């Protein structure tokens, strides 16, 4: 199983060009693409917990892109705002809403995306922040980072309990390629 956000889903490319489909071809093994545009690490954990475990995969791949910190913050913040029931219903049930939200979010957040730092070619979650971030954005990223890390730890424990391997696929920004 591969899960993640729009990068895993294959947003903007033919489905056959998404990284899970390419991996399936390389390995000659079935890879189920459970990626969803706009999903946070919290939602990826929940989709694996609710649907993925029952499929009894050998491996779960999590496509991680640096915007997952802000997506985790946004998801957690929105889930705690009960005064927006229509928005919550659309977020939980409408693929069209999720696609539009993902496109809008990705367009408007482009300049405020931090990047993953690399130490001896190993990725770490140390973040180099762009200078144009305001204090609010830094707080949101820090909170989102903790939420994403907790979701990954919870997912690892769930998968270990079920003898399933977890692989974190770090998706680079274009400047890292």
Protein backbone atom coordinates (compact mmCIF):
# COMPACT_ATOMS: atom_id res chain seq x y z
CA UNK A 1 0.00 0.00 0.00
CA UNK A 2 1.19 3.50 -0.83
CA UNK A 3 -0.50 6.45 0.85
CA UNK A 4 0.22 10.15 0.93
CA UNK A 5 -1.08 13.40 -0.49
CA UNK A 6 -1.38 14.67 -4.06
CA UNK A 7 2.16 13.57 -4.94
CA UNK A 8 1.31 9.97 -4.14
CA UNK A 9 -2.13 10.28 -5.73
CA UNK A 10 -0.47 11.42 -8.95
CA UNK A 11 -1.89 14.94 -9.19
CA UNK A 12 -0.96 16.52 -12.52
CA UNK A 13 0.35 13.36 -14.18
CA UNK A 14 -1.18 10.33 -15.81
CA UNK A 15 -2.02 7.68 -13.21
CA UNK A 16 0.53 5.39 -14.85
CA UNK A 17 3.22 8.02 -14.10
CA UNK A 18 2.51 8.28 -10.35
CA UNK A 19 5.34 6.98 -8.18
CA UNK A 20 3.27 4.06 -6.78
CA UNK A 21 2.48 2.89 -10.33
CA UNK A 22 6.12 3.25 -11.34
CA UNK A 23 7.18 1.26 -8.26
CA UNK A 24 4.64 -1.44 -9.13
CA UNK A 25 6.21 -1.76 -12.59
CA UNK A 26 9.76 -1.85 -11.21
CA UNK A 27 9.01 -4.49 -8.57
CA UNK A 28 6.45 -6.45 -10.59
CA UNK A 29 4.32 -6.46 -7.40
CA UNK A 30 0.89 -4.98 -6.73
CA UNK A 31 1.03 -1.53 -5.13
CA UNK A 32 -2.34 -0.10 -4.10
CA UNK A 33 -2.33 3.70 -4.40
CA UNK A 34 -4.33 5.13 -1.48
CA UNK A 35 -3.00 8.67 -1.90
CA UNK A 36 -5.46 11.57 -1.59
CA UNK A 37 -4.85 15.21 -2.55
CA UNK A 38 -4.64 17.45 0.49
CA UNK A 39 -4.25 14.61 2.99
CA UNK A 40 -2.15 15.13 6.09
CA UNK A 41 -0.05 12.55 7.89
CA UNK A 42 -2.89 12.28 10.42
CA UNK A 43 -5.36 11.30 7.67
CA UNK A 44 -2.87 8.91 6.09
CA UNK A 45 -2.56 7.12 9.43
CA UNK A 46 -6.35 6.91 9.71
CA UNK A 47 -6.83 5.54 6.19
CA UNK A 48 -4.27 2.80 6.82
CA UNK A 49 -5.82 2.04 10.20
CA UNK A 50 -9.38 1.91 8.83
CA UNK A 51 -8.85 0.28 5.43
CA UNK A 52 -5.23 -0.69 4.84
CA UNK A 53 -4.69 -3.09 7.75
CA UNK A 54 -7.58 -5.28 6.57
CA UNK A 55 -5.79 -5.75 3.24
CA UNK A 56 -2.89 -7.39 5.10
CA UNK A 57 -0.07 -5.73 3.14
CA UNK A 58 3.55 -6.66 3.66
CA UNK A 59 4.66 -3.03 3.39
CA UNK A 60 3.03 0.39 3.80
CA UNK A 61 4.75 3.26 2.02
CA UNK A 62 4.03 6.79 3.23
CA UNK A 63 4.79 9.51 0.70
CA UNK A 64 6.04 12.43 2.80
CA UNK A 65 6.30 15.94 1.38
CA UNK A 66 7.34 18.93 3.43
CA UNK A 67 3.84 20.48 3.27
CA UNK A 68 2.62 17.58 5.43
CA UNK A 69 3.53 19.65 8.49
CA UNK A 70 1.11 22.43 7.54
CA UNK A 71 -1.48 19.92 6.31
CA UNK A 72 -1.36 18.17 9.70
CA UNK A 73 -1.76 21.50 11.48
CA UNK A 74 -4.69 22.49 9.23
CA UNK A 75 -6.43 19.14 9.60
CA UNK A 76 -6.09 19.14 13.39
CA UNK A 77 -7.20 22.77 13.58
CA UNK A 78 -10.23 22.21 11.35
CA UNK A 79 -11.33 19.05 13.13
CA UNK A 80 -11.49 21.05 16.37
CA UNK A 81 -13.63 23.79 14.81
CA UNK A 82 -17.14 22.42 15.16
CA UNK A 83 -18.66 25.73 14.04
CA UNK A 84 -17.89 24.90 10.37
CA UNK A 85 -20.08 21.81 9.82
CA UNK A 86 -20.48 22.29 6.03
CA UNK A 87 -16.75 22.68 5.53
CA UNK A 88 -16.08 19.56 7.62
CA UNK A 89 -18.71 17.57 5.69
CA UNK A 90 -17.15 18.62 2.37
CA UNK A 91 -13.63 17.83 3.59
CA UNK A 92 -14.69 14.38 4.72
CA UNK A 93 -16.91 13.43 1.77
CA UNK A 94 -16.14 15.42 -1.38
CA UNK A 95 -13.22 14.54 -3.62
CA UNK A 96 -13.92 17.66 -5.71
CA UNK A 97 -13.63 19.86 -2.62
CA UNK A 98 -10.37 18.13 -1.65
CA UNK A 99 -8.92 18.59 -5.14
CA UNK A 100 -9.84 22.29 -5.25
CA UNK A 101 -8.54 22.82 -1.70
CA UNK A 102 -5.27 21.07 -2.54
CA UNK A 103 -4.77 23.17 -5.68
CA UNK A 104 -5.56 26.40 -3.82
CA UNK A 105 -3.40 25.47 -0.84
CA UNK A 106 -0.42 24.44 -2.95
CA UNK A 107 -0.62 27.64 -5.02
CA UNK A 108 -0.89 29.96 -2.03
CA UNK A 109 1.70 28.24 0.18
CA UNK A 110 4.45 27.95 -2.41
CA UNK A 111 6.64 30.72 -0.95
CA UNK A 112 6.28 29.54 2.65
CA UNK A 113 7.33 25.91 2.25
CA UNK A 114 10.28 24.91 4.38
CA UNK A 115 12.67 22.25 3.15
CA UNK A 116 14.08 19.08 4.66
CA UNK A 117 17.75 19.31 5.56
CA UNK A 118 20.16 16.49 4.68
CA UNK A 119 23.05 15.31 6.82
CA UNK A 120 25.44 12.84 5.14
CA UNK A 121 22.73 12.22 2.52
CA UNK A 122 20.25 11.08 5.20
CA UNK A 123 17.09 13.17 5.48
CA UNK A 124 16.19 14.70 8.81
CA UNK A 125 13.23 16.71 9.99
CA UNK A 126 15.41 19.71 10.75
CA UNK A 127 13.83 22.53 8.85
CA UNK A 128 15.46 25.46 7.08
CA UNK A 129 12.78 28.14 7.11
CA UNK A 130 12.52 30.73 4.35
CA UNK A 131 13.08 34.27 5.63
CA UNK A 132 9.58 35.42 4.64
CA UNK A 133 7.76 33.24 7.17
CA UNK A 134 5.95 35.14 9.90
CA UNK A 135 5.78 33.96 13.51
CA UNK A 136 2.29 32.50 13.02
CA UNK A 137 3.55 30.29 10.20
CA UNK A 138 6.49 29.13 12.31
CA UNK A 139 4.15 28.16 15.14
CA UNK A 140 1.82 26.32 12.73
CA UNK A 141 4.74 24.40 11.23
CA UNK A 142 6.12 23.50 14.68
CA UNK A 143 2.71 22.26 15.86
CA UNK A 144 2.13 20.45 12.55
CA UNK A 145 5.57 18.84 12.80
CA UNK A 146 4.72 17.40 16.23
CA UNK A 147 1.34 16.17 14.96
CA UNK A 148 2.93 14.55 11.89
CA UNK A 149 5.63 12.90 13.99
CA UNK A 150 3.01 11.54 16.41
CA UNK A 151 0.99 10.13 13.50
CA UNK A 152 4.08 8.42 12.10
CA UNK A 153 4.98 6.94 15.50
CA UNK A 154 1.38 5.73 15.96
CA UNK A 155 1.42 4.25 12.45
CA UNK A 156 4.72 2.49 13.11
CA UNK A 157 3.31 0.94 16.30
CA UNK A 158 0.13 -0.16 14.49
CA UNK A 159 2.12 -1.72 11.66
CA UNK A 160 4.61 -3.40 14.00
CA UNK A 161 1.70 -4.99 15.87
CA UNK A 162 0.49 -6.43 12.56
CA UNK A 163 3.97 -7.44 11.29
CA UNK A 164 3.85 -4.89 8.48
CA UNK A 165 6.90 -2.91 7.41
CA UNK A 166 6.72 0.91 7.23
CA UNK A 167 8.69 2.79 4.59
CA UNK A 168 8.77 6.58 4.65
CA UNK A 169 9.26 7.91 1.11
CA UNK A 170 10.67 11.43 1.31
CA UNK A 171 9.50 13.37 -1.72
CA UNK A 172 11.96 16.17 -2.57
CA UNK A 173 11.13 19.71 -3.62
CA UNK A 174 12.40 20.63 -7.08
CA UNK A 175 15.44 22.47 -5.65
CA UNK A 176 16.60 19.22 -4.04
CA UNK A 177 16.70 17.28 -7.29
